[in-house]
Structure formats: C-alpha cells, structure tokens
Amino acid sequence: MKRPSRLELLPLVVVLLVDSLGVAVAHAAENDNFAGLVDIGGGRKMYLKCSGRGSPIVMFVGGLRASADDWSISDKSKPTVFAEVGKFTRVCAWDRPGTPVGEKPSRSDPVPQPTTAKDAVADLHALLTAAGDAGPYVLVGHSYGGLIVRLYASTY
C-alpha cells in the first residue's frame, strides 16, 4: 500500500488542529456558564467569562484597568449587572491583556504595553470569533471600554 504524501495529509492535519483548538471554544458556546481561557490564535489566549442563554449576546468591555470580574461587583444590597443580564440573555465579559484582577495580574496572556484601542478592538474581534458565539452582539463599554466598543462597532 502506498504511503500518503505530506501534501495529501495536510487537510487531515488542519482538521485535527482546528478540532483540538475548538474544544474550549465549543465548550464556551454550548454551556450556560463558562469562565476560562480561549485560544484566539497566534499563540495567545484570552480570559472570557459568559453566563446565560439567548440572543443578543451582551458583551461587557470594562474601563482602562477593569477585568471581567468588575461587572460582578456588588454592594450586597443589589444584584450584580453580570448576573442580572445573564437571567434573560447570554452575557460575556473579558480581561484585556494587562488588566489586573484586583491585586493579581491579568488572566489573559500578556502583550507588550502600552496597547491602543485599535489593539483592543482586534483582540475583541479575535476573541468573539474564536469563542464561537455568532452574535448578534450588544456591546456595553464603561469609560475606556466605551471607546473600544465605539471603534469596534465602526470597524465591524
């Protein structure tokens, strides 16, 4: 029996790579609750937290030094924004590279700093694409996050 050439095996290798990269992505898109790293390509992973089901997907983009967890802060007398929105549709938030989580470093892979809003838009687009949640999206930005969502909307 003739052994297949490397060129003939290439489609199989590509399918296997895409399939193995897609495990975390499919996990994020199919479950009500997901919190973890999503491979966005280029050897980078970004932290994404999602909850709930439905459409549109509400994507929170925090301020300059805000992490995904900032949308779950409560003064205990009121429910958190993240939890409440997750009751009626899919809601997600992410850690931009370099955004601390309290006193801890970002859960997303580091990148050279400083970054620009254009960099954040490219990262957000890569993350939404890799996460497998097809949209439509309602983008919610706080402070610097407002600049990012405005630029994202005009770009995509």
N, C-alpha and C. Protein backbone atom coordinates (compact mmCIF):
# COMPACT_ATOMS: atom_id res chain seq x y z
N MET A 1 0.84 -1.16 0.00
CA MET A 1 0.00 0.00 0.00
C MET A 1 0.89 1.24 0.00
N LYS A 2 0.52 2.23 -0.83
CA LYS A 2 1.31 3.45 -0.96
C LYS A 2 1.08 4.35 0.25
N ARG A 3 2.15 4.84 0.77
CA ARG A 3 2.09 5.77 1.91
C ARG A 3 1.67 7.15 1.40
N PRO A 4 0.69 7.84 2.07
CA PRO A 4 0.25 9.15 1.59
C PRO A 4 1.35 10.20 1.73
N SER A 5 1.37 11.12 0.79
CA SER A 5 2.36 12.20 0.83
C SER A 5 1.96 13.22 1.90
N ARG A 6 2.90 14.07 2.25
CA ARG A 6 2.61 15.14 3.23
C ARG A 6 1.51 16.06 2.73
N LEU A 7 1.52 16.32 1.44
CA LEU A 7 0.50 17.20 0.86
C LEU A 7 -0.89 16.56 0.98
N GLU A 8 -0.96 15.25 0.79
CA GLU A 8 -2.24 14.56 0.91
C GLU A 8 -2.74 14.54 2.36
N LEU A 9 -1.82 14.56 3.33
CA LEU A 9 -2.20 14.54 4.75
C LEU A 9 -2.54 15.92 5.29
N LEU A 10 -2.17 16.98 4.59
CA LEU A 10 -2.36 18.34 5.08
C LEU A 10 -3.81 18.64 5.48
N PRO A 11 -4.82 18.30 4.66
CA PRO A 11 -6.19 18.59 5.09
C PRO A 11 -6.56 17.89 6.40
N LEU A 12 -6.08 16.66 6.61
CA LEU A 12 -6.36 15.94 7.84
C LEU A 12 -5.71 16.62 9.03
N VAL A 13 -4.47 17.06 8.86
CA VAL A 13 -3.75 17.75 9.93
C VAL A 13 -4.47 19.04 10.29
N VAL A 14 -4.89 19.80 9.29
CA VAL A 14 -5.60 21.06 9.54
C VAL A 14 -6.90 20.80 10.29
N VAL A 15 -7.65 19.79 9.87
CA VAL A 15 -8.91 19.46 10.55
C VAL A 15 -8.64 19.07 12.00
N LEU A 16 -7.62 18.27 12.23
CA LEU A 16 -7.31 17.86 13.60
C LEU A 16 -6.90 19.06 14.45
N LEU A 17 -6.10 19.96 13.90
CA LEU A 17 -5.69 21.15 14.65
C LEU A 17 -6.89 22.03 14.97
N VAL A 18 -7.73 22.28 13.99
CA VAL A 18 -8.91 23.10 14.22
C VAL A 18 -9.82 22.44 15.24
N ASP A 19 -9.97 21.13 15.13
CA ASP A 19 -10.82 20.42 16.08
C ASP A 19 -10.27 20.50 17.49
N SER A 20 -8.97 20.33 17.66
CA SER A 20 -8.40 20.37 19.00
C SER A 20 -8.44 21.78 19.57
N LEU A 21 -8.25 22.80 18.75
CA LEU A 21 -8.34 24.18 19.23
C LEU A 21 -9.78 24.53 19.57
N GLY A 22 -10.70 23.89 18.88
CA GLY A 22 -12.10 24.23 19.07
C GLY A 22 -12.74 23.63 20.30
N VAL A 23 -12.07 22.77 21.04
CA VAL A 23 -12.68 22.13 22.21
C VAL A 23 -13.11 23.17 23.23
N ALA A 24 -12.21 24.05 23.63
CA ALA A 24 -12.56 25.10 24.60
C ALA A 24 -13.56 26.06 24.01
N VAL A 25 -13.44 26.35 22.72
CA VAL A 25 -14.37 27.27 22.06
C VAL A 25 -15.77 26.70 22.07
N ALA A 26 -15.91 25.45 21.66
CA ALA A 26 -17.23 24.83 21.65
C ALA A 26 -17.79 24.76 23.07
N HIS A 27 -16.93 24.49 24.03
CA HIS A 27 -17.35 24.44 25.43
C HIS A 27 -17.92 25.79 25.86
N ALA A 28 -17.28 26.87 25.43
CA ALA A 28 -17.73 28.21 25.80
C ALA A 28 -19.08 28.52 25.17
N ALA A 29 -19.30 28.13 23.92
CA ALA A 29 -20.51 28.50 23.21
C ALA A 29 -21.71 27.64 23.61
N GLU A 30 -21.49 26.39 24.04
CA GLU A 30 -22.59 25.48 24.28
C GLU A 30 -23.09 25.48 25.72
N ASN A 31 -22.35 25.98 26.65
CA ASN A 31 -22.74 25.93 28.04
C ASN A 31 -23.26 27.28 28.51
N ASP A 32 -24.21 27.22 29.48
CA ASP A 32 -24.73 28.45 30.04
C ASP A 32 -23.62 29.24 30.72
N ASN A 33 -22.77 28.56 31.47
CA ASN A 33 -21.72 29.24 32.21
C ASN A 33 -20.36 28.77 31.72
N PHE A 34 -19.50 29.73 31.46
CA PHE A 34 -18.14 29.44 31.03
C PHE A 34 -17.24 30.51 31.60
N ALA A 35 -16.11 30.11 32.13
CA ALA A 35 -15.08 31.05 32.57
C ALA A 35 -13.75 30.37 32.35
N GLY A 36 -12.94 30.93 31.45
CA GLY A 36 -11.65 30.33 31.19
C GLY A 36 -10.96 30.97 30.02
N LEU A 37 -9.88 30.36 29.62
CA LEU A 37 -9.07 30.88 28.53
C LEU A 37 -9.57 30.36 27.19
N VAL A 38 -9.60 31.24 26.21
CA VAL A 38 -9.98 30.90 24.84
C VAL A 38 -8.79 31.19 23.95
N ASP A 39 -8.41 30.21 23.15
CA ASP A 39 -7.30 30.36 22.22
C ASP A 39 -7.75 31.25 21.06
N ILE A 40 -7.12 32.42 20.92
CA ILE A 40 -7.50 33.35 19.85
C ILE A 40 -6.56 33.25 18.65
N GLY A 41 -5.63 32.32 18.69
CA GLY A 41 -4.68 32.16 17.60
C GLY A 41 -3.40 32.94 17.88
N GLY A 42 -2.41 32.69 17.08
CA GLY A 42 -1.14 33.38 17.23
C GLY A 42 -0.43 33.05 18.53
N GLY A 43 -0.77 31.91 19.13
CA GLY A 43 -0.14 31.52 20.39
C GLY A 43 -0.66 32.27 21.61
N ARG A 44 -1.80 32.95 21.47
CA ARG A 44 -2.35 33.75 22.57
C ARG A 44 -3.68 33.20 23.05
N LYS A 45 -3.92 33.39 24.35
CA LYS A 45 -5.20 33.02 24.96
C LYS A 45 -5.72 34.22 25.74
N MET A 46 -7.05 34.36 25.73
CA MET A 46 -7.67 35.45 26.46
C MET A 46 -8.74 34.89 27.39
N TYR A 47 -8.88 35.54 28.54
CA TYR A 47 -9.87 35.12 29.52
C TYR A 47 -11.25 35.64 29.13
N LEU A 48 -12.23 34.74 29.13
CA LEU A 48 -13.61 35.06 28.81
C LEU A 48 -14.51 34.44 29.86
N LYS A 49 -15.50 35.20 30.27
CA LYS A 49 -16.49 34.72 31.24
C LYS A 49 -17.86 34.95 30.62
N CYS A 50 -18.69 33.89 30.55
CA CYS A 50 -20.03 34.00 29.96
C CYS A 50 -21.04 33.29 30.84
N SER A 51 -22.27 33.75 30.76
CA SER A 51 -23.36 33.14 31.51
C SER A 51 -24.65 33.34 30.74
N GLY A 52 -25.62 32.47 30.99
CA GLY A 52 -26.94 32.61 30.39
C GLY A 52 -27.02 32.10 28.98
N ARG A 53 -28.23 32.20 28.44
CA ARG A 53 -28.51 31.79 27.06
C ARG A 53 -29.41 32.81 26.43
N GLY A 54 -29.33 32.89 25.14
CA GLY A 54 -30.23 33.76 24.41
C GLY A 54 -29.50 34.71 23.49
N SER A 55 -30.29 35.53 22.85
CA SER A 55 -29.79 36.48 21.89
C SER A 55 -30.53 37.79 22.08
N PRO A 56 -29.85 38.90 21.92
CA PRO A 56 -28.46 39.08 21.53
C PRO A 56 -27.51 38.77 22.69
N ILE A 57 -26.24 38.59 22.36
CA ILE A 57 -25.21 38.39 23.37
C ILE A 57 -24.76 39.77 23.83
N VAL A 58 -24.81 39.99 25.13
CA VAL A 58 -24.35 41.26 25.70
C VAL A 58 -22.89 41.07 26.08
N MET A 59 -22.03 41.89 25.48
CA MET A 59 -20.58 41.80 25.72
C MET A 59 -20.14 43.04 26.48
N PHE A 60 -19.69 42.84 27.72
CA PHE A 60 -19.21 43.93 28.56
C PHE A 60 -17.73 44.19 28.31
N VAL A 61 -17.39 45.44 28.12
CA VAL A 61 -16.00 45.86 27.93
C VAL A 61 -15.70 46.91 28.99
N GLY A 62 -14.84 46.55 29.92
CA GLY A 62 -14.57 47.41 31.06
C GLY A 62 -13.63 48.56 30.76
N GLY A 63 -13.48 49.41 31.75
CA GLY A 63 -12.61 50.57 31.67
C GLY A 63 -11.14 50.19 31.62
N LEU A 64 -10.29 51.18 31.67
CA LEU A 64 -8.86 51.02 31.43
C LEU A 64 -8.22 49.89 32.24
N ARG A 65 -8.47 49.82 33.52
CA ARG A 65 -7.85 48.78 34.35
C ARG A 65 -8.89 47.80 34.90
N ALA A 66 -9.98 47.62 34.17
CA ALA A 66 -11.08 46.77 34.64
C ALA A 66 -10.98 45.36 34.05
N SER A 67 -11.30 44.37 34.86
CA SER A 67 -11.33 42.98 34.40
C SER A 67 -12.78 42.54 34.25
N ALA A 68 -12.96 41.31 33.79
CA ALA A 68 -14.31 40.74 33.64
C ALA A 68 -15.03 40.71 34.99
N ASP A 69 -14.28 40.52 36.07
CA ASP A 69 -14.89 40.43 37.39
C ASP A 69 -15.50 41.74 37.87
N ASP A 70 -15.09 42.85 37.31
CA ASP A 70 -15.64 44.14 37.74
C ASP A 70 -17.13 44.27 37.45
N TRP A 71 -17.64 43.48 36.51
CA TRP A 71 -19.08 43.50 36.21
C TRP A 71 -19.88 42.66 37.21
N SER A 72 -19.19 42.01 38.13
CA SER A 72 -19.85 41.18 39.15
C SER A 72 -19.66 41.72 40.56
N ILE A 73 -19.22 42.96 40.66
CA ILE A 73 -19.04 43.58 41.98
C ILE A 73 -20.39 44.10 42.46
N SER A 74 -20.70 43.84 43.72
CA SER A 74 -21.97 44.27 44.29
C SER A 74 -21.75 44.83 45.68
N ASP A 75 -22.64 45.74 46.06
CA ASP A 75 -22.58 46.26 47.43
C ASP A 75 -23.44 45.40 48.36
N LYS A 76 -23.81 44.23 47.90
CA LYS A 76 -24.58 43.21 48.64
C LYS A 76 -26.06 43.57 48.79
N SER A 77 -26.45 44.82 48.60
CA SER A 77 -27.86 45.17 48.69
C SER A 77 -28.55 45.04 47.34
N LYS A 78 -27.75 44.92 46.27
CA LYS A 78 -28.30 44.83 44.92
C LYS A 78 -27.59 43.71 44.17
N PRO A 79 -28.30 43.08 43.23
CA PRO A 79 -27.63 42.05 42.41
C PRO A 79 -26.62 42.69 41.47
N THR A 80 -25.70 41.88 40.96
CA THR A 80 -24.68 42.40 40.05
C THR A 80 -25.25 42.54 38.64
N VAL A 81 -24.66 43.43 37.87
CA VAL A 81 -25.07 43.64 36.48
C VAL A 81 -24.91 42.35 35.69
N PHE A 82 -23.76 41.70 35.82
CA PHE A 82 -23.48 40.48 35.06
C PHE A 82 -24.53 39.41 35.33
N ALA A 83 -24.83 39.15 36.59
CA ALA A 83 -25.79 38.10 36.95
C ALA A 83 -27.20 38.43 36.47
N GLU A 84 -27.59 39.68 36.58
CA GLU A 84 -28.95 40.07 36.19
C GLU A 84 -29.15 39.95 34.68
N VAL A 85 -28.19 40.40 33.90
CA VAL A 85 -28.32 40.30 32.45
C VAL A 85 -28.31 38.84 32.02
N GLY A 86 -27.52 38.00 32.69
CA GLY A 86 -27.46 36.58 32.39
C GLY A 86 -28.76 35.84 32.64
N LYS A 87 -29.70 36.46 33.32
CA LYS A 87 -31.00 35.82 33.56
C LYS A 87 -31.89 35.84 32.32
N PHE A 88 -31.65 36.79 31.39
CA PHE A 88 -32.54 36.87 30.24
C PHE A 88 -31.85 36.75 28.88
N THR A 89 -30.53 36.74 28.85
CA THR A 89 -29.80 36.53 27.60
C THR A 89 -28.37 36.11 27.90
N ARG A 90 -27.61 35.80 26.89
CA ARG A 90 -26.20 35.44 27.07
C ARG A 90 -25.41 36.71 27.36
N VAL A 91 -24.56 36.65 28.35
CA VAL A 91 -23.74 37.79 28.74
C VAL A 91 -22.30 37.33 28.88
N CYS A 92 -21.37 38.17 28.40
CA CYS A 92 -19.95 37.82 28.46
C CYS A 92 -19.13 39.05 28.86
N ALA A 93 -17.99 38.81 29.45
CA ALA A 93 -17.02 39.85 29.76
C ALA A 93 -15.64 39.22 29.61
N TRP A 94 -14.64 40.08 29.40
CA TRP A 94 -13.29 39.56 29.15
C TRP A 94 -12.25 40.40 29.87
N ASP A 95 -11.08 39.82 29.99
CA ASP A 95 -9.92 40.54 30.53
C ASP A 95 -9.04 40.93 29.35
N ARG A 96 -8.90 42.22 29.11
CA ARG A 96 -7.92 42.65 28.11
C ARG A 96 -6.53 42.35 28.67
N PRO A 97 -5.57 42.08 27.80
CA PRO A 97 -4.20 41.88 28.30
C PRO A 97 -3.74 43.09 29.10
N GLY A 98 -3.19 42.82 30.26
CA GLY A 98 -2.68 43.91 31.10
C GLY A 98 -3.67 44.45 32.11
N THR A 99 -4.92 43.99 32.07
CA THR A 99 -5.90 44.45 33.05
C THR A 99 -5.80 43.58 34.30
N PRO A 100 -5.51 44.17 35.44
CA PRO A 100 -5.36 43.36 36.66
C PRO A 100 -6.71 42.88 37.18
N VAL A 101 -6.65 41.81 37.94
CA VAL A 101 -7.83 41.28 38.62
C VAL A 101 -7.57 41.51 40.10
N GLY A 102 -8.05 42.64 40.60
CA GLY A 102 -7.71 43.03 41.96
C GLY A 102 -6.23 43.31 42.04
N GLU A 103 -5.54 42.57 42.90
CA GLU A 103 -4.09 42.71 43.04
C GLU A 103 -3.32 41.71 42.17
N LYS A 104 -4.04 40.84 41.48
CA LYS A 104 -3.41 39.80 40.65
C LYS A 104 -3.28 40.28 39.21
N PRO A 105 -2.33 39.71 38.45
CA PRO A 105 -2.18 40.10 37.04
C PRO A 105 -3.34 39.60 36.19
N SER A 106 -3.45 40.11 34.99
CA SER A 106 -4.49 39.71 34.05
C SER A 106 -4.46 38.21 33.82
N ARG A 107 -5.63 37.63 33.60
CA ARG A 107 -5.71 36.21 33.28
C ARG A 107 -5.47 35.95 31.79
N SER A 108 -5.54 36.99 30.96
CA SER A 108 -5.22 36.87 29.54
C SER A 108 -3.71 36.92 29.37
N ASP A 109 -3.24 36.28 28.30
CA ASP A 109 -1.81 36.29 28.04
C ASP A 109 -1.30 37.73 27.91
N PRO A 110 -0.12 38.00 28.45
CA PRO A 110 0.42 39.36 28.37
C PRO A 110 0.84 39.73 26.95
N VAL A 111 0.80 41.02 26.68
CA VAL A 111 1.31 41.58 25.43
C VAL A 111 2.14 42.81 25.79
N PRO A 112 3.02 43.25 24.89
CA PRO A 112 3.79 44.46 25.18
C PRO A 112 2.86 45.64 25.46
N GLN A 113 3.21 46.41 26.46
CA GLN A 113 2.42 47.58 26.84
C GLN A 113 3.17 48.84 26.46
N PRO A 114 2.53 49.94 26.21
CA PRO A 114 1.08 50.12 26.27
C PRO A 114 0.41 49.59 25.00
N THR A 115 -0.88 49.31 25.11
CA THR A 115 -1.67 48.91 23.95
C THR A 115 -2.58 50.07 23.57
N THR A 116 -3.19 49.97 22.40
CA THR A 116 -4.09 51.01 21.92
C THR A 116 -5.52 50.48 21.87
N ALA A 117 -6.46 51.38 21.67
CA ALA A 117 -7.85 50.97 21.48
C ALA A 117 -7.98 50.10 20.24
N LYS A 118 -7.19 50.40 19.21
CA LYS A 118 -7.20 49.59 17.99
C LYS A 118 -6.73 48.16 18.30
N ASP A 119 -5.73 48.02 19.17
CA ASP A 119 -5.27 46.68 19.59
C ASP A 119 -6.39 45.94 20.32
N ALA A 120 -7.10 46.66 21.19
CA ALA A 120 -8.20 46.05 21.95
C ALA A 120 -9.32 45.60 21.02
N VAL A 121 -9.61 46.39 20.00
CA VAL A 121 -10.64 46.02 19.02
C VAL A 121 -10.24 44.75 18.29
N ALA A 122 -8.99 44.67 17.86
CA ALA A 122 -8.51 43.46 17.18
C ALA A 122 -8.60 42.25 18.11
N ASP A 123 -8.23 42.43 19.38
CA ASP A 123 -8.32 41.33 20.36
C ASP A 123 -9.77 40.92 20.59
N LEU A 124 -10.66 41.89 20.73
CA LEU A 124 -12.07 41.57 20.95
C LEU A 124 -12.63 40.82 19.76
N HIS A 125 -12.30 41.25 18.57
CA HIS A 125 -12.80 40.56 17.37
C HIS A 125 -12.26 39.12 17.31
N ALA A 126 -10.99 38.95 17.61
CA ALA A 126 -10.40 37.61 17.62
C ALA A 126 -11.07 36.74 18.68
N LEU A 127 -11.34 37.31 19.84
CA LEU A 127 -11.98 36.57 20.93
C LEU A 127 -13.40 36.16 20.57
N LEU A 128 -14.20 37.09 20.05
CA LEU A 128 -15.58 36.77 19.69
C LEU A 128 -15.63 35.72 18.58
N THR A 129 -14.72 35.82 17.64
CA THR A 129 -14.65 34.84 16.56
C THR A 129 -14.27 33.46 17.10
N ALA A 130 -13.24 33.42 17.95
CA ALA A 130 -12.76 32.15 18.50
C ALA A 130 -13.76 31.52 19.46
N ALA A 131 -14.52 32.33 20.18
CA ALA A 131 -15.45 31.81 21.18
C ALA A 131 -16.63 31.09 20.54
N GLY A 132 -16.90 31.36 19.28
CA GLY A 132 -17.95 30.62 18.59
C GLY A 132 -19.36 31.12 18.86
N ASP A 133 -19.52 32.17 19.63
CA ASP A 133 -20.83 32.79 19.82
C ASP A 133 -21.04 33.74 18.65
N ALA A 134 -21.94 33.40 17.75
CA ALA A 134 -22.05 34.11 16.48
C ALA A 134 -22.69 35.49 16.56
N GLY A 135 -23.27 35.84 17.66
CA GLY A 135 -23.93 37.14 17.75
C GLY A 135 -25.38 37.02 17.33
N PRO A 136 -26.11 38.07 17.22
CA PRO A 136 -25.68 39.47 17.28
C PRO A 136 -25.23 39.88 18.68
N TYR A 137 -24.50 40.99 18.74
CA TYR A 137 -23.94 41.48 19.99
C TYR A 137 -24.52 42.84 20.35
N VAL A 138 -24.69 43.03 21.63
CA VAL A 138 -24.89 44.35 22.19
C VAL A 138 -23.62 44.62 22.98
N LEU A 139 -22.85 45.61 22.56
CA LEU A 139 -21.58 45.93 23.20
C LEU A 139 -21.81 47.01 24.24
N VAL A 140 -21.37 46.75 25.47
CA VAL A 140 -21.53 47.69 26.57
C VAL A 140 -20.15 48.07 27.06
N GLY A 141 -19.81 49.34 26.93
CA GLY A 141 -18.50 49.79 27.34
C GLY A 141 -18.57 50.79 28.47
N HIS A 142 -17.68 50.63 29.43
CA HIS A 142 -17.57 51.58 30.54
C HIS A 142 -16.26 52.35 30.39
N SER A 143 -16.34 53.67 30.43
CA SER A 143 -15.16 54.52 30.38
C SER A 143 -14.32 54.21 29.14
N TYR A 144 -13.06 53.81 29.31
CA TYR A 144 -12.21 53.47 28.17
C TYR A 144 -12.84 52.37 27.32
N GLY A 145 -13.61 51.49 27.94
CA GLY A 145 -14.33 50.44 27.20
C GLY A 145 -15.32 51.02 26.21
N GLY A 146 -15.85 52.22 26.51
CA GLY A 146 -16.76 52.90 25.58
C GLY A 146 -16.06 53.24 24.27
N LEU A 147 -14.81 53.68 24.37
CA LEU A 147 -14.03 53.97 23.17
C LEU A 147 -13.81 52.69 22.36
N ILE A 148 -13.53 51.60 23.05
CA ILE A 148 -13.28 50.33 22.38
C ILE A 148 -14.54 49.85 21.65
N VAL A 149 -15.70 49.89 22.31
CA VAL A 149 -16.91 49.39 21.66
C VAL A 149 -17.34 50.30 20.50
N ARG A 150 -17.11 51.58 20.65
CA ARG A 150 -17.45 52.51 19.54
C ARG A 150 -16.57 52.22 18.33
N LEU A 151 -15.27 52.03 18.56
CA LEU A 151 -14.35 51.72 17.47
C LEU A 151 -14.66 50.34 16.89
N TYR A 152 -15.03 49.38 17.74
CA TYR A 152 -15.39 48.03 17.27
C TYR A 152 -16.60 48.11 16.35
N ALA A 153 -17.63 48.85 16.79
CA ALA A 153 -18.86 48.97 16.00
C ALA A 153 -18.60 49.61 14.64
N SER A 154 -17.74 50.61 14.61
CA SER A 154 -17.47 51.27 13.33
C SER A 154 -16.54 50.44 12.44
N THR A 155 -15.78 49.54 13.04
CA THR A 155 -14.86 48.69 12.27
C THR A 155 -15.56 47.44 11.74
N TYR A 156 -16.41 46.85 12.58
CA TYR A 156 -17.05 45.59 12.20
C TYR A 156 -18.56 45.72 12.07
